[in-house]
Amino acid sequence: GFDDLSTSKEDQQELIVDKHNTLRREVKPTASNMLKMEWSPPAASNAQKWANQCTLSHSPAHRRTTNVLCGENLFMSSGLFLWPNVVQAWYDEEKNFEYGTGAKTQGAVIGHYTQVVWHNSNQIGCAAAFCPNSTYKYFYVCHYCPA
């Protein structure tokens, strides 16, 4: 269930970090400046605070600052998605997604900044919230630092 996706759990943090690092290795041409991702508790804390607002929209910049400004990806869905699938959806949609026009993943809306902010970010923190009163019941947020 939803509680299994809690990013306070180390197994979920590892799934998210591993998925990002796997996708980053697949980027063609291989980017020499690609940094390995690691989990950032402060970024995760910011992501959780924002997810809990259930706005289903991007946060203001000051809400996603650790010691640096962080980028942000959003995923909203009517059903539960596992974290690796959320990350994969960002990766897959990146090439032909425009925020506001919708995504190809059925029953979900995906929003992000700057092509999944892969290159200069080396820290990630993510969180999800259950939003029973929203159009989309599940709101996933990842913060990437630095942006």
N, C-alpha and C. Protein backbone atom coordinates (compact mmCIF):
# COMPACT_ATOMS: atom_id res chain seq x y z
N GLY A 1 0.80 -1.21 0.00
CA GLY A 1 0.00 0.00 0.00
C GLY A 1 0.84 1.26 0.00
N PHE A 2 0.17 2.39 0.20
CA PHE A 2 0.84 3.69 0.14
C PHE A 2 1.99 3.80 1.13
N ASP A 3 1.81 3.27 2.34
CA ASP A 3 2.85 3.38 3.36
C ASP A 3 4.16 2.72 2.95
N ASP A 4 4.05 1.71 2.09
CA ASP A 4 5.26 1.02 1.62
C ASP A 4 6.15 1.94 0.78
N LEU A 5 5.56 3.02 0.26
CA LEU A 5 6.31 3.94 -0.60
C LEU A 5 6.99 5.06 0.18
N SER A 6 6.85 5.04 1.49
CA SER A 6 7.40 6.13 2.31
C SER A 6 8.91 6.24 2.12
N THR A 7 9.37 7.45 1.81
CA THR A 7 10.79 7.65 1.58
C THR A 7 11.56 7.83 2.88
N SER A 8 10.88 7.66 4.02
CA SER A 8 11.63 7.58 5.28
C SER A 8 12.26 6.20 5.39
N LYS A 9 11.80 5.28 4.53
CA LYS A 9 12.34 3.91 4.53
C LYS A 9 13.56 3.83 3.61
N GLU A 10 14.60 3.20 4.14
CA GLU A 10 15.85 3.14 3.40
C GLU A 10 15.71 2.38 2.08
N ASP A 11 14.87 1.34 2.06
CA ASP A 11 14.74 0.57 0.82
C ASP A 11 14.15 1.43 -0.30
N GLN A 12 13.24 2.35 0.05
CA GLN A 12 12.66 3.24 -0.96
C GLN A 12 13.69 4.27 -1.44
N GLN A 13 14.48 4.79 -0.51
CA GLN A 13 15.55 5.72 -0.88
C GLN A 13 16.50 5.06 -1.86
N GLU A 14 16.86 3.82 -1.57
CA GLU A 14 17.80 3.09 -2.44
C GLU A 14 17.20 2.84 -3.82
N LEU A 15 15.90 2.48 -3.86
CA LEU A 15 15.24 2.26 -5.14
C LEU A 15 15.30 3.51 -6.01
N ILE A 16 15.03 4.65 -5.41
CA ILE A 16 15.01 5.92 -6.13
C ILE A 16 16.40 6.28 -6.64
N VAL A 17 17.38 6.21 -5.76
CA VAL A 17 18.76 6.55 -6.12
C VAL A 17 19.28 5.60 -7.20
N ASP A 18 19.05 4.30 -7.00
CA ASP A 18 19.54 3.31 -7.97
C ASP A 18 18.91 3.51 -9.34
N LYS A 19 17.62 3.80 -9.36
CA LYS A 19 16.92 4.00 -10.63
C LYS A 19 17.50 5.20 -11.38
N HIS A 20 17.73 6.29 -10.66
CA HIS A 20 18.32 7.47 -11.29
C HIS A 20 19.70 7.15 -11.84
N ASN A 21 20.52 6.48 -11.04
CA ASN A 21 21.88 6.20 -11.49
C ASN A 21 21.89 5.25 -12.68
N THR A 22 20.96 4.30 -12.71
CA THR A 22 20.85 3.39 -13.86
C THR A 22 20.49 4.16 -15.12
N LEU A 23 19.49 5.04 -15.01
CA LEU A 23 19.05 5.82 -16.17
C LEU A 23 20.15 6.77 -16.64
N ARG A 24 20.85 7.35 -15.69
CA ARG A 24 21.91 8.29 -16.05
C ARG A 24 23.02 7.59 -16.83
N ARG A 25 23.29 6.34 -16.47
CA ARG A 25 24.32 5.58 -17.19
C ARG A 25 23.91 5.30 -18.63
N GLU A 26 22.59 5.31 -18.88
CA GLU A 26 22.08 4.98 -20.21
C GLU A 26 22.01 6.18 -21.14
N VAL A 27 22.26 7.37 -20.62
CA VAL A 27 22.16 8.58 -21.43
C VAL A 27 23.19 8.53 -22.56
N LYS A 28 22.72 8.80 -23.78
CA LYS A 28 23.61 8.81 -24.95
C LYS A 28 23.63 10.22 -25.54
N PRO A 29 24.80 10.75 -25.94
CA PRO A 29 26.10 10.15 -25.65
C PRO A 29 26.38 10.22 -24.17
N THR A 30 27.21 9.34 -23.68
CA THR A 30 27.53 9.30 -22.25
C THR A 30 28.08 10.65 -21.83
N ALA A 31 27.49 11.21 -20.81
CA ALA A 31 27.92 12.53 -20.35
C ALA A 31 29.07 12.36 -19.36
N SER A 32 30.19 12.96 -19.68
CA SER A 32 31.36 12.81 -18.82
C SER A 32 31.18 13.57 -17.51
N ASN A 33 30.28 14.57 -17.55
CA ASN A 33 30.10 15.38 -16.35
C ASN A 33 28.97 14.86 -15.46
N MET A 34 28.49 13.66 -15.75
CA MET A 34 27.35 13.12 -15.01
C MET A 34 27.79 12.69 -13.62
N LEU A 35 27.17 13.26 -12.61
CA LEU A 35 27.52 12.93 -11.24
C LEU A 35 26.62 11.82 -10.73
N LYS A 36 27.17 10.98 -9.86
CA LYS A 36 26.37 9.91 -9.28
C LYS A 36 25.42 10.53 -8.24
N MET A 37 24.19 10.10 -8.24
CA MET A 37 23.20 10.60 -7.29
C MET A 37 23.38 9.98 -5.92
N GLU A 38 23.11 10.76 -4.90
CA GLU A 38 22.99 10.20 -3.55
C GLU A 38 21.78 10.83 -2.87
N TRP A 39 21.28 10.18 -1.84
CA TRP A 39 20.09 10.64 -1.13
C TRP A 39 20.41 11.85 -0.27
N SER A 40 19.53 12.82 -0.28
CA SER A 40 19.69 14.02 0.54
C SER A 40 18.52 14.15 1.50
N PRO A 41 18.74 13.89 2.80
CA PRO A 41 17.65 14.06 3.78
C PRO A 41 17.02 15.46 3.78
N PRO A 42 17.83 16.55 3.68
CA PRO A 42 17.18 17.88 3.64
C PRO A 42 16.29 18.07 2.42
N ALA A 43 16.72 17.57 1.26
CA ALA A 43 15.90 17.69 0.05
C ALA A 43 14.63 16.85 0.21
N ALA A 44 14.76 15.68 0.80
CA ALA A 44 13.60 14.81 1.01
C ALA A 44 12.61 15.46 1.96
N SER A 45 13.13 16.13 2.97
CA SER A 45 12.28 16.83 3.94
C SER A 45 11.50 17.95 3.25
N ASN A 46 12.18 18.73 2.40
CA ASN A 46 11.50 19.78 1.64
C ASN A 46 10.44 19.18 0.71
N ALA A 47 10.79 18.08 0.06
CA ALA A 47 9.85 17.42 -0.86
C ALA A 47 8.62 16.93 -0.11
N GLN A 48 8.83 16.39 1.09
CA GLN A 48 7.70 15.88 1.87
C GLN A 48 6.78 17.02 2.30
N LYS A 49 7.38 18.11 2.77
CA LYS A 49 6.57 19.27 3.20
C LYS A 49 5.73 19.79 2.04
N TRP A 50 6.32 19.80 0.83
CA TRP A 50 5.58 20.30 -0.32
C TRP A 50 4.52 19.30 -0.76
N ALA A 51 4.87 18.03 -0.81
CA ALA A 51 3.91 16.99 -1.21
C ALA A 51 2.68 17.05 -0.31
N ASN A 52 2.91 17.24 0.97
CA ASN A 52 1.81 17.26 1.95
C ASN A 52 0.83 18.40 1.72
N GLN A 53 1.25 19.42 0.98
CA GLN A 53 0.34 20.54 0.67
C GLN A 53 -0.73 20.13 -0.35
N CYS A 54 -0.45 19.06 -1.10
CA CYS A 54 -1.40 18.54 -2.09
C CYS A 54 -1.84 19.59 -3.11
N THR A 55 -0.95 20.49 -3.48
CA THR A 55 -1.30 21.52 -4.46
C THR A 55 -1.28 20.97 -5.88
N LEU A 56 -0.57 19.87 -6.10
CA LEU A 56 -0.38 19.30 -7.44
C LEU A 56 0.23 20.32 -8.40
N SER A 57 1.06 21.20 -7.87
CA SER A 57 1.74 22.18 -8.71
C SER A 57 3.16 22.37 -8.18
N HIS A 58 3.98 23.10 -8.96
CA HIS A 58 5.36 23.30 -8.53
C HIS A 58 5.45 24.23 -7.33
N SER A 59 6.46 23.98 -6.53
CA SER A 59 6.68 24.79 -5.33
C SER A 59 7.46 26.05 -5.70
N PRO A 60 7.30 27.12 -4.88
CA PRO A 60 8.15 28.30 -5.09
C PRO A 60 9.60 27.95 -4.76
N ALA A 61 10.52 28.66 -5.39
CA ALA A 61 11.95 28.33 -5.26
C ALA A 61 12.41 28.23 -3.81
N HIS A 62 11.92 29.12 -2.94
CA HIS A 62 12.42 29.10 -1.57
C HIS A 62 12.00 27.85 -0.82
N ARG A 63 11.01 27.13 -1.34
CA ARG A 63 10.57 25.90 -0.69
C ARG A 63 11.43 24.70 -1.08
N ARG A 64 12.35 24.90 -2.05
CA ARG A 64 13.20 23.78 -2.46
C ARG A 64 14.67 24.17 -2.44
N THR A 65 15.04 24.78 -1.32
CA THR A 65 16.43 25.16 -1.12
C THR A 65 16.98 24.39 0.07
N THR A 66 18.13 23.75 -0.12
CA THR A 66 18.85 23.15 1.02
C THR A 66 19.94 24.15 1.32
N ASN A 67 21.21 23.81 1.04
CA ASN A 67 22.25 24.85 1.05
C ASN A 67 22.40 25.42 -0.36
N VAL A 68 21.65 24.83 -1.30
CA VAL A 68 21.64 25.30 -2.70
C VAL A 68 20.19 25.25 -3.19
N LEU A 69 19.94 25.91 -4.33
CA LEU A 69 18.61 25.82 -4.94
C LEU A 69 18.48 24.47 -5.63
N CYS A 70 17.33 23.84 -5.46
CA CYS A 70 17.10 22.51 -6.03
C CYS A 70 16.04 22.57 -7.12
N GLY A 71 16.16 21.68 -8.08
CA GLY A 71 15.14 21.50 -9.11
C GLY A 71 14.05 20.60 -8.58
N GLU A 72 12.98 20.46 -9.34
CA GLU A 72 11.82 19.71 -8.83
C GLU A 72 11.11 18.97 -9.95
N ASN A 73 10.80 17.72 -9.69
CA ASN A 73 9.94 16.93 -10.57
C ASN A 73 8.66 16.58 -9.83
N LEU A 74 7.55 16.57 -10.56
CA LEU A 74 6.26 16.22 -9.98
C LEU A 74 5.63 15.07 -10.75
N PHE A 75 4.87 14.27 -10.05
CA PHE A 75 4.09 13.20 -10.68
C PHE A 75 2.80 13.08 -9.90
N MET A 76 1.66 13.18 -10.58
CA MET A 76 0.37 13.02 -9.92
C MET A 76 -0.35 11.87 -10.58
N SER A 77 -0.97 11.02 -9.78
CA SER A 77 -1.67 9.88 -10.38
C SER A 77 -2.92 9.53 -9.58
N SER A 78 -3.84 8.89 -10.28
CA SER A 78 -5.08 8.46 -9.63
C SER A 78 -4.87 7.13 -8.91
N GLY A 79 -3.83 6.39 -9.30
CA GLY A 79 -3.51 5.13 -8.64
C GLY A 79 -2.09 5.13 -8.15
N LEU A 80 -1.75 4.12 -7.36
CA LEU A 80 -0.40 4.03 -6.81
C LEU A 80 0.61 3.65 -7.89
N PHE A 81 1.72 4.33 -7.91
CA PHE A 81 2.85 3.97 -8.77
C PHE A 81 4.05 3.72 -7.86
N LEU A 82 4.84 2.73 -8.18
CA LEU A 82 6.07 2.48 -7.43
C LEU A 82 7.11 3.52 -7.84
N TRP A 83 8.01 3.85 -6.93
CA TRP A 83 8.99 4.90 -7.21
C TRP A 83 9.79 4.68 -8.49
N PRO A 84 10.30 3.46 -8.75
CA PRO A 84 11.06 3.30 -10.00
C PRO A 84 10.23 3.61 -11.24
N ASN A 85 8.93 3.34 -11.18
CA ASN A 85 8.05 3.63 -12.32
C ASN A 85 7.82 5.13 -12.48
N VAL A 86 7.76 5.83 -11.35
CA VAL A 86 7.61 7.29 -11.38
C VAL A 86 8.84 7.91 -12.05
N VAL A 87 10.01 7.47 -11.61
CA VAL A 87 11.26 8.00 -12.16
C VAL A 87 11.37 7.67 -13.65
N GLN A 88 11.00 6.45 -14.01
CA GLN A 88 11.03 6.03 -15.42
C GLN A 88 10.08 6.90 -16.25
N ALA A 89 8.93 7.22 -15.69
CA ALA A 89 7.96 8.05 -16.41
C ALA A 89 8.54 9.44 -16.69
N TRP A 90 9.23 10.02 -15.70
CA TRP A 90 9.87 11.31 -15.94
C TRP A 90 10.87 11.18 -17.09
N TYR A 91 11.64 10.14 -17.04
CA TYR A 91 12.68 9.92 -18.04
C TYR A 91 12.06 9.74 -19.43
N ASP A 92 11.00 8.94 -19.50
CA ASP A 92 10.35 8.65 -20.78
C ASP A 92 9.62 9.86 -21.35
N GLU A 93 9.01 10.65 -20.49
CA GLU A 93 8.17 11.77 -20.93
C GLU A 93 9.00 12.98 -21.29
N GLU A 94 10.21 13.03 -20.79
CA GLU A 94 11.02 14.22 -20.88
C GLU A 94 11.11 14.77 -22.31
N LYS A 95 11.21 13.88 -23.29
CA LYS A 95 11.46 14.34 -24.66
C LYS A 95 10.25 15.02 -25.29
N ASN A 96 9.05 14.62 -24.92
CA ASN A 96 7.89 15.25 -25.56
C ASN A 96 6.80 15.54 -24.54
N PHE A 97 7.18 16.26 -23.52
CA PHE A 97 6.21 16.64 -22.51
C PHE A 97 6.21 18.15 -22.38
N GLU A 98 5.04 18.72 -22.33
CA GLU A 98 4.94 20.13 -22.03
C GLU A 98 4.06 20.26 -20.81
N TYR A 99 4.56 20.96 -19.81
CA TYR A 99 3.80 21.06 -18.58
C TYR A 99 2.46 21.71 -18.87
N GLY A 100 1.40 21.10 -18.38
CA GLY A 100 0.08 21.67 -18.59
C GLY A 100 -0.69 20.99 -19.71
N THR A 101 0.01 20.34 -20.65
CA THR A 101 -0.72 19.69 -21.74
C THR A 101 -0.96 18.22 -21.46
N GLY A 102 -0.35 17.72 -20.40
CA GLY A 102 -0.61 16.33 -20.03
C GLY A 102 0.47 15.40 -20.50
N ALA A 103 0.39 14.18 -20.03
CA ALA A 103 1.42 13.19 -20.28
C ALA A 103 0.82 11.99 -20.98
N LYS A 104 1.70 11.12 -21.46
CA LYS A 104 1.23 9.92 -22.14
C LYS A 104 0.90 8.80 -21.16
N THR A 105 1.48 8.84 -19.97
CA THR A 105 1.20 7.81 -18.98
C THR A 105 -0.25 7.91 -18.56
N GLN A 106 -1.01 6.87 -18.76
CA GLN A 106 -2.44 6.93 -18.50
C GLN A 106 -2.73 7.14 -17.01
N GLY A 107 -3.68 8.01 -16.71
CA GLY A 107 -4.09 8.25 -15.33
C GLY A 107 -3.06 8.98 -14.51
N ALA A 108 -2.18 9.72 -15.17
CA ALA A 108 -1.15 10.44 -14.43
C ALA A 108 -0.82 11.75 -15.12
N VAL A 109 -0.33 12.69 -14.33
CA VAL A 109 0.16 13.95 -14.85
C VAL A 109 1.59 14.08 -14.37
N ILE A 110 2.45 14.52 -15.26
CA ILE A 110 3.86 14.59 -14.93
C ILE A 110 4.34 16.01 -15.15
N GLY A 111 5.09 16.54 -14.22
CA GLY A 111 5.65 17.88 -14.38
C GLY A 111 7.08 17.89 -13.92
N HIS A 112 7.93 18.62 -14.62
CA HIS A 112 9.31 18.67 -14.18
C HIS A 112 9.98 19.92 -14.70
N TYR A 113 11.12 20.21 -14.15
CA TYR A 113 11.97 21.28 -14.66
C TYR A 113 13.08 20.67 -15.48
N THR A 114 13.48 21.37 -16.50
CA THR A 114 14.70 21.12 -17.28
C THR A 114 15.10 19.67 -17.40
N GLN A 115 14.56 19.05 -18.40
CA GLN A 115 14.85 17.67 -18.80
C GLN A 115 15.38 16.79 -17.67
N VAL A 116 14.57 16.65 -16.68
CA VAL A 116 14.83 15.75 -15.55
C VAL A 116 16.14 16.06 -14.83
N VAL A 117 16.60 17.32 -15.02
CA VAL A 117 17.76 17.83 -14.29
C VAL A 117 18.81 16.77 -13.98
N TRP A 118 19.25 16.05 -15.01
CA TRP A 118 20.19 14.96 -14.73
C TRP A 118 21.61 15.44 -14.46
N HIS A 119 22.10 16.41 -15.23
CA HIS A 119 23.55 16.54 -15.35
C HIS A 119 24.26 17.08 -14.13
N ASN A 120 23.84 18.22 -13.61
CA ASN A 120 24.67 18.82 -12.56
C ASN A 120 24.13 18.55 -11.17
N SER A 121 23.14 17.70 -11.03
CA SER A 121 22.62 17.37 -9.70
C SER A 121 23.30 16.11 -9.20
N ASN A 122 23.66 16.09 -7.93
CA ASN A 122 24.20 14.86 -7.38
C ASN A 122 23.47 14.45 -6.10
N GLN A 123 22.45 15.23 -5.74
CA GLN A 123 21.67 14.88 -4.55
C GLN A 123 20.20 14.87 -4.90
N ILE A 124 19.50 13.91 -4.32
CA ILE A 124 18.08 13.80 -4.58
C ILE A 124 17.35 13.48 -3.29
N GLY A 125 16.17 14.05 -3.17
CA GLY A 125 15.28 13.72 -2.05
C GLY A 125 13.87 13.72 -2.58
N CYS A 126 13.11 12.68 -2.27
CA CYS A 126 11.76 12.53 -2.81
C CYS A 126 10.76 12.23 -1.70
N ALA A 127 9.50 12.47 -2.01
CA ALA A 127 8.44 12.15 -1.06
C ALA A 127 7.13 12.05 -1.82
N ALA A 128 6.18 11.36 -1.22
CA ALA A 128 4.84 11.25 -1.81
C ALA A 128 3.81 11.56 -0.75
N ALA A 129 2.65 12.01 -1.20
CA ALA A 129 1.54 12.28 -0.28
C ALA A 129 0.26 11.70 -0.87
N PHE A 130 -0.63 11.31 0.02
CA PHE A 130 -1.97 10.86 -0.36
C PHE A 130 -2.88 12.07 -0.23
N CYS A 131 -3.55 12.41 -1.31
CA CYS A 131 -4.38 13.63 -1.36
C CYS A 131 -5.81 13.24 -1.71
N PRO A 132 -6.58 12.75 -0.74
CA PRO A 132 -7.90 12.18 -1.04
C PRO A 132 -8.87 13.16 -1.67
N ASN A 133 -8.69 14.46 -1.44
CA ASN A 133 -9.64 15.44 -1.96
C ASN A 133 -9.24 16.02 -3.31
N SER A 134 -8.16 15.53 -3.88
CA SER A 134 -7.68 16.06 -5.15
C SER A 134 -8.12 15.18 -6.31
N THR A 135 -8.06 15.76 -7.51
CA THR A 135 -8.36 15.01 -8.73
C THR A 135 -7.47 13.78 -8.81
N TYR A 136 -6.18 14.00 -8.55
CA TYR A 136 -5.22 12.91 -8.51
C TYR A 136 -4.89 12.64 -7.05
N LYS A 137 -5.05 11.41 -6.63
CA LYS A 137 -4.95 11.08 -5.20
C LYS A 137 -3.51 10.98 -4.70
N TYR A 138 -2.57 10.78 -5.62
CA TYR A 138 -1.18 10.58 -5.20
C TYR A 138 -0.31 11.65 -5.83
N PHE A 139 0.49 12.28 -5.00
CA PHE A 139 1.34 13.40 -5.42
C PHE A 139 2.77 13.06 -5.05
N TYR A 140 3.60 12.86 -6.08
CA TYR A 140 5.00 12.51 -5.87
C TYR A 140 5.87 13.72 -6.19
N VAL A 141 6.85 13.99 -5.34
CA VAL A 141 7.73 15.13 -5.52
C VAL A 141 9.18 14.69 -5.34
N CYS A 142 10.05 15.05 -6.27
CA CYS A 142 11.49 14.84 -6.09
C CYS A 142 12.21 16.17 -6.24
N HIS A 143 13.15 16.41 -5.34
CA HIS A 143 14.00 17.59 -5.42
C HIS A 143 15.41 17.15 -5.78
N TYR A 144 16.00 17.88 -6.74
CA TYR A 144 17.33 17.57 -7.26
C TYR A 144 18.25 18.74 -6.95
N CYS A 145 19.38 18.46 -6.30
CA CYS A 145 20.26 19.54 -5.90
C CYS A 145 21.70 19.27 -6.38
N PRO A 146 22.41 20.32 -6.82
CA PRO A 146 21.85 21.63 -7.14
C PRO A 146 21.02 21.57 -8.41
N ALA A 147 20.18 22.58 -8.60
CA ALA A 147 19.28 22.59 -9.77
C ALA A 147 20.10 22.66 -11.05
